[in-house]
């Protein structure tokens, strides 16, 4: 390792990230309503091994000891999400004050330990009651989401200063409403484009609501952002395929937020989104965030494909290319995060960038009560070094949050991909800080 914490400066935010549905469990405890992931995981063959997150890491009951682990690892900032159906069981209307009380306890204990809470408002767990009304395909969700945001601000805004509106809108709309592999399991272009436009509207509207509540809050939103390259260099059709995939995966939600509109010029099929756009929407899509959250794990190599509808492009997976990869079949390629940061820096209206997720799933083994996860440790060190390289070249990157605190429910993949700095035995709920977590704690204890 050829870097130190001091090289990043005193105003650089180091942290850890989690999501409510992936760790909390307590799926029907204390008045919580059903979310789309609660119902999706009940369906056959949707989740690997038929798994679900009814208990997950049981963070709902074990948050004090888990937050103590964050403190033990010297991590000063904790990014977590609010489960919409825990505070508003029906999505709108009646507030569940037991759910509010739970998040108040989490926030208060964070502050007691000297850990700064960073809240993600929406991390994919839409209340099932709202999905029955169309979910993200129903334009009314702009009003439903606004009610949820106001509820969170009214109850937590006196202590929480850092807010993120959405987590990876491209993933929850694309996987949930186009491919059907994530909750709520809908498919088709029309579902996707409706959901995408309404999520983009909520992204900006959420920012405006937070800003109106308190002008000094730090407001951001997070994007999955892949480093893309053509499979074959100097191959014109592959190069053009990269542009189309980039428009879809990296730019669809970012550019409207920045006031640039949808990237229709580079992906013609996006013209069809116009039937969901009402007068005045173009202006409402834009909002000046204080920071953009970059969530980067890998690079993708793209090739031209005549058979892929709409995109005429396909991503060639790491296994097929015989390169080092994680359990998610993502290539281990540390320059990916440097390349993504450099690309984002080219947008003049982005004030700051924070890496809000970066991490890796590898097969971990418990040996003599220890988890020696050398591959993850190397992955984190190599990627943090690339963040420093970008920072030293003038990229205004102001933070780095590891994904994730502990092994958890990894959506459709279930429990087998382990991303945590802390190992979890899901039968006993025993926690073991891995070598990567010990290293991160030592690195931060400077």
Protein backbone atom coordinates (compact mmCIF):
# COMPACT_ATOMS: atom_id res chain seq x y z
CA UNK A 1 0.00 0.00 0.00
CA UNK A 2 1.51 3.31 -1.08
CA UNK A 3 -0.84 5.87 0.45
CA UNK A 4 -1.93 7.21 3.81
CA UNK A 5 -5.15 8.69 5.13
CA UNK A 6 -3.43 12.09 5.51
CA UNK A 7 -2.95 12.34 1.74
CA UNK A 8 -6.73 12.64 1.28
CA UNK A 9 -6.99 15.71 3.54
CA UNK A 10 -8.96 16.46 6.70
CA UNK A 11 -12.18 17.27 4.82
CA UNK A 12 -12.41 13.82 3.19
CA UNK A 13 -15.33 11.70 4.45
CA UNK A 14 -14.58 8.02 5.16
CA UNK A 15 -17.55 5.75 5.69
CA UNK A 16 -19.47 2.52 5.35
CA UNK A 17 -22.78 1.89 3.55
CA UNK A 18 -25.76 -0.44 4.11
CA UNK A 19 -29.38 -0.71 2.96
CA UNK A 20 -32.41 -1.31 5.19
CA UNK A 21 -33.88 -4.32 3.38
CA UNK A 22 -30.53 -6.09 3.15
CA UNK A 23 -29.74 -6.03 6.88
CA UNK A 24 -32.69 -5.12 9.10
CA UNK A 25 -34.87 -8.24 9.03
CA UNK A 26 -37.90 -7.75 11.33
CA UNK A 27 -39.95 -7.76 8.13
CA UNK A 28 -43.33 -7.59 9.89
CA UNK A 29 -42.28 -6.32 13.33
CA UNK A 30 -43.70 -3.29 15.13
CA UNK A 31 -46.22 -2.37 12.45
CA UNK A 32 -43.96 -2.51 9.39
CA UNK A 33 -45.87 -2.90 6.12
CA UNK A 34 -44.88 -5.17 3.24
CA UNK A 35 -42.38 -3.95 0.67
CA UNK A 36 -42.05 -5.12 -2.93
CA UNK A 37 -38.99 -7.14 -1.87
CA UNK A 38 -40.96 -8.88 0.88
CA UNK A 39 -43.48 -10.05 -1.70
CA UNK A 40 -40.96 -10.66 -4.51
CA UNK A 41 -38.86 -12.97 -2.34
CA UNK A 42 -41.97 -15.07 -1.62
CA UNK A 43 -42.31 -15.94 -5.30
CA UNK A 44 -40.77 -19.15 -6.58
CA UNK A 45 -37.37 -19.08 -8.25
CA UNK A 46 -36.94 -15.30 -7.93
CA UNK A 47 -34.16 -15.38 -5.30
CA UNK A 48 -31.19 -17.77 -5.33
CA UNK A 49 -31.82 -20.85 -3.14
CA UNK A 50 -35.31 -19.56 -2.31
CA UNK A 51 -33.82 -17.17 0.24
CA UNK A 52 -35.41 -14.03 1.72
CA UNK A 53 -34.57 -11.18 4.09
CA UNK A 54 -37.23 -11.77 6.76
CA UNK A 55 -34.41 -11.97 9.33
CA UNK A 56 -31.28 -11.11 7.28
CA UNK A 57 -28.66 -9.72 9.72
CA UNK A 58 -31.34 -8.87 12.31
CA UNK A 59 -29.89 -5.36 12.47
CA UNK A 60 -33.31 -4.19 13.72
CA UNK A 61 -32.61 -5.91 17.04
CA UNK A 62 -28.79 -5.88 16.97
CA UNK A 63 -28.13 -2.30 15.84
CA UNK A 64 -26.39 -1.30 19.09
CA UNK A 65 -23.71 -4.00 18.82
CA UNK A 66 -23.40 -3.46 15.05
CA UNK A 67 -22.94 0.29 15.45
CA UNK A 68 -20.36 -0.51 18.14
CA UNK A 69 -18.47 -2.51 15.49
CA UNK A 70 -18.46 0.57 13.23
CA UNK A 71 -17.03 2.55 16.13
CA UNK A 72 -14.47 -0.20 16.81
CA UNK A 73 -13.32 0.03 13.16
CA UNK A 74 -12.87 3.83 13.56
CA UNK A 75 -15.38 4.52 10.77
CA UNK A 76 -16.70 8.07 11.27
CA UNK A 77 -19.62 8.10 8.79
CA UNK A 78 -22.44 5.59 8.38
CA UNK A 79 -24.70 5.61 5.32
CA UNK A 80 -27.96 3.70 5.78
CA UNK A 81 -31.46 3.81 4.32
CA UNK A 82 -34.94 4.27 5.72
CA UNK A 83 -37.37 1.44 4.94
CA UNK A 84 -40.33 3.35 3.47
CA UNK A 85 -42.86 0.72 4.62
CA UNK A 86 -41.47 0.77 8.16
CA UNK A 87 -42.38 4.43 8.66
CA UNK A 88 -45.41 4.54 6.30
CA UNK A 89 -46.77 0.95 6.13
CA UNK A 90 -49.14 1.81 3.27
CA UNK A 91 -46.66 4.13 1.56
CA UNK A 92 -48.80 7.17 2.36
CA UNK A 93 -51.22 8.17 5.10
CA UNK A 94 -50.84 6.71 8.57
CA UNK A 95 -47.40 7.06 10.13
CA UNK A 96 -46.02 4.06 12.04
CA UNK A 97 -44.51 5.70 15.11
CA UNK A 98 -42.81 2.48 16.24
CA UNK A 99 -40.85 2.56 12.98
CA UNK A 100 -40.02 6.23 13.51
CA UNK A 101 -38.86 5.41 17.05
CA UNK A 102 -36.55 2.69 15.74
CA UNK A 103 -34.75 5.04 13.34
CA UNK A 104 -34.56 7.67 16.08
CA UNK A 105 -32.77 5.10 18.25
CA UNK A 106 -30.35 4.26 15.43
CA UNK A 107 -29.61 7.93 14.71
CA UNK A 108 -29.24 8.83 18.40
CA UNK A 109 -26.88 5.93 19.08
CA UNK A 110 -24.78 6.86 16.03
CA UNK A 111 -24.41 10.37 17.39
CA UNK A 112 -23.67 9.07 20.88
CA UNK A 113 -20.80 7.02 19.44
CA UNK A 114 -19.50 9.96 17.40
CA UNK A 115 -20.66 8.43 14.09
CA UNK A 116 -22.25 10.80 11.57
CA UNK A 117 -25.48 9.38 10.08
CA UNK A 118 -25.96 9.75 6.30
CA UNK A 119 -29.45 8.78 5.17
CA UNK A 120 -30.45 7.31 1.83
CA UNK A 121 -34.17 7.92 1.47
CA UNK A 122 -34.97 5.25 -1.14
CA UNK A 123 -32.94 2.06 -1.42
CA UNK A 124 -35.32 -0.05 -3.54
CA UNK A 125 -37.91 -1.21 -0.96
CA UNK A 126 -41.11 0.40 -2.26
CA UNK A 127 -44.19 -0.32 -0.12
CA UNK A 128 -46.21 -3.14 -1.68
CA UNK A 129 -49.40 -1.08 -1.18
CA UNK A 130 -48.04 1.49 -3.67
CA UNK A 131 -46.94 -1.18 -6.15
CA UNK A 132 -50.55 -2.35 -6.25
CA UNK A 133 -51.31 1.13 -7.62
CA UNK A 134 -48.60 0.81 -10.29
CA UNK A 135 -45.53 1.71 -8.23
CA UNK A 136 -42.95 3.69 -10.17
CA UNK A 137 -45.01 3.47 -13.37
CA UNK A 138 -47.75 5.61 -11.78
CA UNK A 139 -47.05 9.33 -12.00
CA UNK A 140 -48.73 9.74 -8.61
CA UNK A 141 -45.51 8.38 -7.11
CA UNK A 142 -44.08 11.90 -7.29
CA UNK A 143 -46.66 12.87 -4.64
CA UNK A 144 -46.24 9.62 -2.67
CA UNK A 145 -42.48 10.00 -2.59
CA UNK A 146 -42.78 13.66 -1.55
CA UNK A 147 -44.91 12.60 1.42
CA UNK A 148 -42.30 10.01 2.42
CA UNK A 149 -39.45 12.55 2.14
CA UNK A 150 -41.36 15.08 4.25
CA UNK A 151 -42.09 12.40 6.86
CA UNK A 152 -38.37 11.56 7.17
CA UNK A 153 -37.32 15.21 7.34
CA UNK A 154 -39.92 16.05 9.97
CA UNK A 155 -38.76 13.23 12.23
CA UNK A 156 -35.01 12.97 11.57
CA UNK A 157 -34.02 16.32 10.05
CA UNK A 158 -33.11 17.86 13.40
CA UNK A 159 -30.11 15.51 13.73
CA UNK A 160 -29.27 14.21 10.23
CA UNK A 161 -27.32 16.65 8.06
CA UNK A 162 -26.41 14.44 5.06
CA UNK A 163 -29.13 13.14 2.74
CA UNK A 164 -29.19 11.04 -0.42
CA UNK A 165 -32.42 10.93 -2.42
CA UNK A 166 -32.24 7.70 -4.48
CA UNK A 167 -29.97 4.70 -4.63
CA UNK A 168 -29.05 3.73 -8.19
CA UNK A 169 -32.27 4.57 -10.07
CA UNK A 170 -31.00 2.85 -13.23
CA UNK A 171 -30.78 -0.45 -11.37
CA UNK A 172 -34.15 -0.41 -9.63
CA UNK A 173 -35.99 0.72 -12.77
CA UNK A 174 -34.01 -1.43 -15.20
CA UNK A 175 -33.87 -4.64 -13.18
CA UNK A 176 -37.30 -4.14 -11.60
CA UNK A 177 -39.41 -2.78 -14.44
CA UNK A 178 -37.64 -3.85 -17.66
CA UNK A 179 -35.81 -7.13 -17.04
CA UNK A 180 -38.02 -8.31 -14.18
CA UNK A 181 -35.12 -9.87 -12.26
CA UNK A 182 -35.58 -7.56 -9.24
CA UNK A 183 -38.71 -6.52 -7.40
CA UNK A 184 -41.42 -5.92 -8.44
CA UNK A 185 -40.60 -8.25 -11.35
CA UNK A 186 -42.20 -6.19 -14.14
CA UNK A 187 -40.97 -6.33 -17.72
CA UNK A 188 -41.15 -4.30 -20.91
CA UNK A 189 -40.00 -1.02 -22.40
CA UNK A 190 -43.15 0.91 -21.53
CA UNK A 191 -42.97 -0.06 -17.84
CA UNK A 192 -39.30 0.87 -17.75
CA UNK A 193 -39.61 4.27 -19.43
CA UNK A 194 -42.56 5.29 -17.23
CA UNK A 195 -40.70 4.19 -14.08
CA UNK A 196 -37.50 5.89 -15.25
CA UNK A 197 -39.14 9.25 -15.90
CA UNK A 198 -41.01 9.26 -12.61
CA UNK A 199 -37.86 8.24 -10.69
CA UNK A 200 -35.93 11.05 -12.41
CA UNK A 201 -38.68 13.48 -11.39
CA UNK A 202 -38.56 12.22 -7.77
CA UNK A 203 -34.77 12.50 -7.76
CA UNK A 204 -34.96 16.27 -8.30
CA UNK A 205 -38.16 16.82 -6.31
CA UNK A 206 -36.63 15.05 -3.31
CA UNK A 207 -33.67 17.41 -3.50
CA UNK A 208 -35.94 20.45 -3.60
CA UNK A 209 -37.92 19.27 -0.57
CA UNK A 210 -34.76 18.66 1.48
CA UNK A 211 -33.34 22.06 0.47
CA UNK A 212 -36.56 23.82 1.48
CA UNK A 213 -36.39 22.16 4.89
CA UNK A 214 -32.86 23.34 5.73
CA UNK A 215 -30.50 25.26 3.47
CA UNK A 216 -27.40 23.94 5.24
CA UNK A 217 -28.08 20.24 4.61
CA UNK A 218 -25.67 18.38 2.34
CA UNK A 219 -27.83 16.84 -0.37
CA UNK A 220 -26.87 14.23 -2.92
CA UNK A 221 -28.11 11.21 -4.81
CA UNK A 222 -26.29 8.07 -5.93
CA UNK A 223 -25.67 6.47 -9.31
CA UNK A 224 -24.36 3.12 -10.41
CA UNK A 225 -21.65 4.18 -12.84
CA UNK A 226 -19.68 1.65 -14.85
CA UNK A 227 -16.38 2.16 -16.59
CA UNK A 228 -17.20 1.11 -20.17
CA UNK A 229 -14.84 0.17 -22.99
CA UNK A 230 -15.21 -1.56 -26.38
CA UNK A 231 -14.43 -5.28 -26.40
CA UNK A 232 -12.37 -4.83 -29.56
CA UNK A 233 -10.22 -1.73 -29.77
CA UNK A 234 -10.40 0.15 -33.09
CA UNK A 235 -13.68 -1.62 -33.87
CA UNK A 236 -16.16 1.07 -34.92
CA UNK A 237 -19.33 -0.92 -34.20
CA UNK A 238 -18.12 -1.80 -30.69
CA UNK A 239 -17.17 1.85 -30.06
CA UNK A 240 -20.66 3.00 -31.08
CA UNK A 241 -22.20 0.26 -28.92
CA UNK A 242 -20.31 1.70 -25.92
CA UNK A 243 -21.92 5.10 -26.53
CA UNK A 244 -25.41 3.57 -26.49
CA UNK A 245 -24.76 1.52 -23.35
CA UNK A 246 -23.23 4.58 -21.66
CA UNK A 247 -26.34 6.63 -22.47
CA UNK A 248 -28.52 3.98 -20.83
CA UNK A 249 -26.46 2.85 -17.84
CA UNK A 250 -24.52 5.97 -16.86
CA UNK A 251 -26.28 9.03 -18.26
CA UNK A 252 -30.04 8.37 -18.25
CA UNK A 253 -30.58 9.76 -14.73
CA UNK A 254 -27.49 11.90 -14.29
CA UNK A 255 -27.91 14.24 -17.25
CA UNK A 256 -31.56 15.26 -16.66
CA UNK A 257 -30.58 16.07 -13.07
CA UNK A 258 -27.80 18.32 -14.40
CA UNK A 259 -30.24 20.14 -16.67
CA UNK A 260 -29.02 18.42 -19.85
CA UNK A 261 -32.16 16.41 -20.56
CA UNK A 262 -32.31 12.73 -21.45
CA UNK A 263 -29.48 11.43 -23.68
CA UNK A 264 -31.87 10.71 -26.55
CA UNK A 265 -29.37 11.73 -29.25
CA UNK A 266 -27.12 8.80 -28.35
CA UNK A 267 -29.89 6.27 -27.73
CA UNK A 268 -32.82 6.81 -30.06
CA UNK A 269 -35.20 4.42 -28.30
CA UNK A 270 -35.32 6.91 -25.41
CA UNK A 271 -37.49 9.12 -27.63
CA UNK A 272 -40.38 6.98 -26.41
CA UNK A 273 -39.97 8.43 -22.90
CA UNK A 274 -41.50 11.66 -24.26
CA UNK A 275 -45.04 10.27 -23.96
CA UNK A 276 -44.61 10.28 -20.17
CA UNK A 277 -43.30 13.86 -20.07
CA UNK A 278 -45.83 16.54 -19.13
CA UNK A 279 -45.46 20.28 -19.74
CA UNK A 280 -42.95 21.76 -17.28
CA UNK A 281 -41.28 18.44 -16.53
CA UNK A 282 -38.02 19.35 -18.28
CA UNK A 283 -37.33 22.12 -15.77
CA UNK A 284 -38.43 19.96 -12.82
CA UNK A 285 -35.97 17.19 -13.75
CA UNK A 286 -33.05 19.44 -12.83
CA UNK A 287 -31.72 20.15 -9.34
CA UNK A 288 -28.33 21.34 -8.12
CA UNK A 289 -27.10 18.62 -5.76
CA UNK A 290 -24.30 19.36 -3.32
CA UNK A 291 -22.66 16.09 -4.31
CA UNK A 292 -23.06 13.14 -6.64
CA UNK A 293 -22.64 9.68 -5.14
CA UNK A 294 -20.58 7.41 -7.41
CA UNK A 295 -21.16 3.67 -6.97
CA UNK A 296 -18.56 1.78 -8.92
CA UNK A 297 -17.38 -1.81 -8.70
CA UNK A 298 -16.03 -2.85 -12.08
CA UNK A 299 -15.60 -2.10 -15.75
CA UNK A 300 -17.70 -3.60 -18.53
CA UNK A 301 -16.50 -4.45 -22.02
CA UNK A 302 -19.13 -3.91 -24.69
CA UNK A 303 -19.51 -5.48 -28.12
CA UNK A 304 -21.89 -4.80 -30.99
CA UNK A 305 -24.79 -7.25 -31.13
CA UNK A 306 -27.37 -7.29 -33.91
CA UNK A 307 -29.65 -9.50 -31.83
CA UNK A 308 -30.07 -7.30 -28.75
CA UNK A 309 -33.20 -5.19 -29.14
CA UNK A 310 -33.02 -1.41 -28.64
CA UNK A 311 -29.31 -1.33 -27.73
CA UNK A 312 -27.67 -3.53 -30.40
CA UNK A 313 -24.98 -4.06 -27.81
CA UNK A 314 -24.07 -6.63 -25.21
CA UNK A 315 -21.82 -6.70 -22.18
CA UNK A 316 -19.26 -9.52 -22.31
CA UNK A 317 -18.98 -10.98 -18.82
CA UNK A 318 -15.68 -11.35 -16.98
CA UNK A 319 -15.78 -15.17 -16.85
CA UNK A 320 -15.99 -15.33 -20.63
CA UNK A 321 -12.94 -13.09 -20.88
CA UNK A 322 -10.90 -15.23 -18.46
CA UNK A 323 -10.00 -12.29 -16.21
CA UNK A 324 -9.93 -12.07 -12.42
CA UNK A 325 -13.48 -11.63 -11.17
CA UNK A 326 -15.56 -11.50 -7.99
CA UNK A 327 -18.43 -13.80 -6.99
CA UNK A 328 -20.74 -11.39 -8.85
CA UNK A 329 -18.82 -12.18 -12.06
CA UNK A 330 -17.48 -8.63 -12.10
CA UNK A 331 -13.96 -8.05 -13.33
CA UNK A 332 -11.42 -6.88 -10.75
CA UNK A 333 -10.06 -3.80 -12.51
CA UNK A 334 -8.99 -1.03 -10.09
CA UNK A 335 -8.56 1.71 -12.76
CA UNK A 336 -12.35 1.51 -13.28
CA UNK A 337 -12.99 3.84 -10.35
CA UNK A 338 -10.35 6.31 -11.51
CA UNK A 339 -11.87 6.34 -15.01
CA UNK A 340 -15.39 6.85 -13.63
CA UNK A 341 -14.26 9.74 -11.42
CA UNK A 342 -12.48 11.41 -14.35
CA UNK A 343 -15.59 11.08 -16.49
CA UNK A 344 -17.86 12.61 -13.87
CA UNK A 345 -15.43 15.47 -13.34
CA UNK A 346 -16.05 16.55 -16.95
CA UNK A 347 -19.55 17.74 -16.02
CA UNK A 348 -18.95 21.35 -14.89
CA UNK A 349 -22.13 21.53 -12.79
CA UNK A 350 -21.15 18.67 -10.47
CA UNK A 351 -19.91 20.36 -7.29
CA UNK A 352 -18.44 17.35 -5.48
CA UNK A 353 -18.23 13.60 -5.97
CA UNK A 354 -18.33 11.06 -3.17
CA UNK A 355 -17.69 7.37 -3.72
CA UNK A 356 -20.77 6.12 -1.85
CA UNK A 357 -20.24 2.43 -2.69
CA UNK A 358 -17.20 0.34 -3.65
CA UNK A 359 -16.43 -3.19 -2.55
CA UNK A 360 -16.26 -6.83 -3.60
CA UNK A 361 -17.77 -10.26 -2.95
CA UNK A 362 -15.29 -13.10 -2.57
CA UNK A 363 -15.60 -16.57 -1.02
CA UNK A 364 -14.76 -16.15 2.67
CA UNK A 365 -13.87 -18.92 5.10
CA UNK A 366 -13.91 -18.84 8.90
CA UNK A 367 -10.74 -20.51 10.20
CA UNK A 368 -10.05 -20.48 13.97
CA UNK A 369 -12.56 -17.64 14.48
CA UNK A 370 -10.77 -15.50 11.87
CA UNK A 371 -11.68 -14.50 8.31
CA UNK A 372 -8.57 -13.77 6.27
CA UNK A 373 -10.04 -12.13 3.17
CA UNK A 374 -6.87 -11.17 1.32
CA UNK A 375 -8.62 -10.67 -2.03
CA UNK A 376 -11.06 -8.11 -0.62
CA UNK A 377 -8.30 -6.36 1.28
CA UNK A 378 -6.26 -6.06 -1.92
CA UNK A 379 -9.34 -4.91 -3.86
CA UNK A 380 -10.05 -2.09 -1.39
CA UNK A 381 -6.44 -0.92 -1.21
CA UNK A 382 -6.09 -0.90 -5.01
CA UNK A 383 -9.34 1.01 -5.53
CA UNK A 384 -8.64 3.55 -2.77
CA UNK A 385 -5.25 4.16 -4.42
CA UNK A 386 -7.05 4.92 -7.70
CA UNK A 387 -9.37 7.36 -5.88
CA UNK A 388 -6.29 9.17 -4.54
CA UNK A 389 -4.78 9.24 -8.03
CA UNK A 390 -7.92 10.94 -9.37
CA UNK A 391 -7.97 13.36 -6.43
CA UNK A 392 -4.32 14.26 -7.01
CA UNK A 393 -5.17 15.03 -10.64
CA UNK A 394 -7.79 17.56 -9.64
CA UNK A 395 -10.98 15.50 -9.38
CA UNK A 396 -13.10 16.98 -6.59
CA UNK A 397 -13.73 13.66 -4.82
CA UNK A 398 -14.57 14.25 -1.17
CA UNK A 399 -15.33 10.85 0.31
CA UNK A 400 -15.14 7.08 0.10
CA UNK A 401 -17.69 4.66 1.59
CA UNK A 402 -17.09 0.91 1.52
CA UNK A 403 -19.88 -1.42 0.49
CA UNK A 404 -20.62 -2.90 2.97
CA UNK A 405 -20.53 -3.16 6.76
CA UNK A 406 -21.43 -6.84 6.96
CA UNK A 407 -22.43 -9.79 4.80
CA UNK A 408 -26.10 -9.45 3.99
CA UNK A 409 -28.99 -10.29 1.67
CA UNK A 410 -27.64 -9.54 -1.80
CA UNK A 411 -31.01 -9.08 -3.58
CA UNK A 412 -31.69 -11.75 -6.23
CA UNK A 413 -28.38 -13.48 -5.43
CA UNK A 414 -29.43 -14.25 -1.85
CA UNK A 415 -26.77 -14.75 0.81
CA UNK A 416 -23.92 -16.41 -1.11
CA UNK A 417 -22.10 -13.24 -2.34
CA UNK A 418 -20.48 -11.78 0.77
CA UNK A 419 -19.44 -8.12 0.53
CA UNK A 420 -18.98 -7.32 4.23
CA UNK A 421 -16.01 -6.07 6.20
CA UNK A 422 -17.71 -8.11 8.93
CA UNK A 423 -18.55 -11.80 8.48
CA UNK A 424 -22.05 -12.90 9.51
CA UNK A 425 -23.06 -16.45 10.38
CA UNK A 426 -26.71 -16.30 9.35
CA UNK A 427 -27.63 -19.28 11.55
CA UNK A 428 -26.24 -17.84 14.78
CA UNK A 429 -25.95 -14.10 13.85
CA UNK A 430 -22.36 -14.18 15.08
CA UNK A 431 -20.17 -11.35 13.73
CA UNK A 432 -16.42 -11.58 13.00
CA UNK A 433 -14.45 -8.58 11.76
CA UNK A 434 -12.54 -9.77 8.68
CA UNK A 435 -8.94 -8.91 7.86
CA UNK A 436 -10.25 -6.21 5.49
CA UNK A 437 -12.27 -4.64 8.31
CA UNK A 438 -9.28 -4.75 10.66
CA UNK A 439 -7.08 -3.12 8.01
CA UNK A 440 -9.68 -0.39 7.28
CA UNK A 441 -9.93 0.33 11.01
CA UNK A 442 -6.14 0.64 11.34
CA UNK A 443 -5.96 2.82 8.23
CA UNK A 444 -8.58 5.20 9.66
CA UNK A 445 -6.98 5.26 13.11
CA UNK A 446 -4.33 7.75 12.12
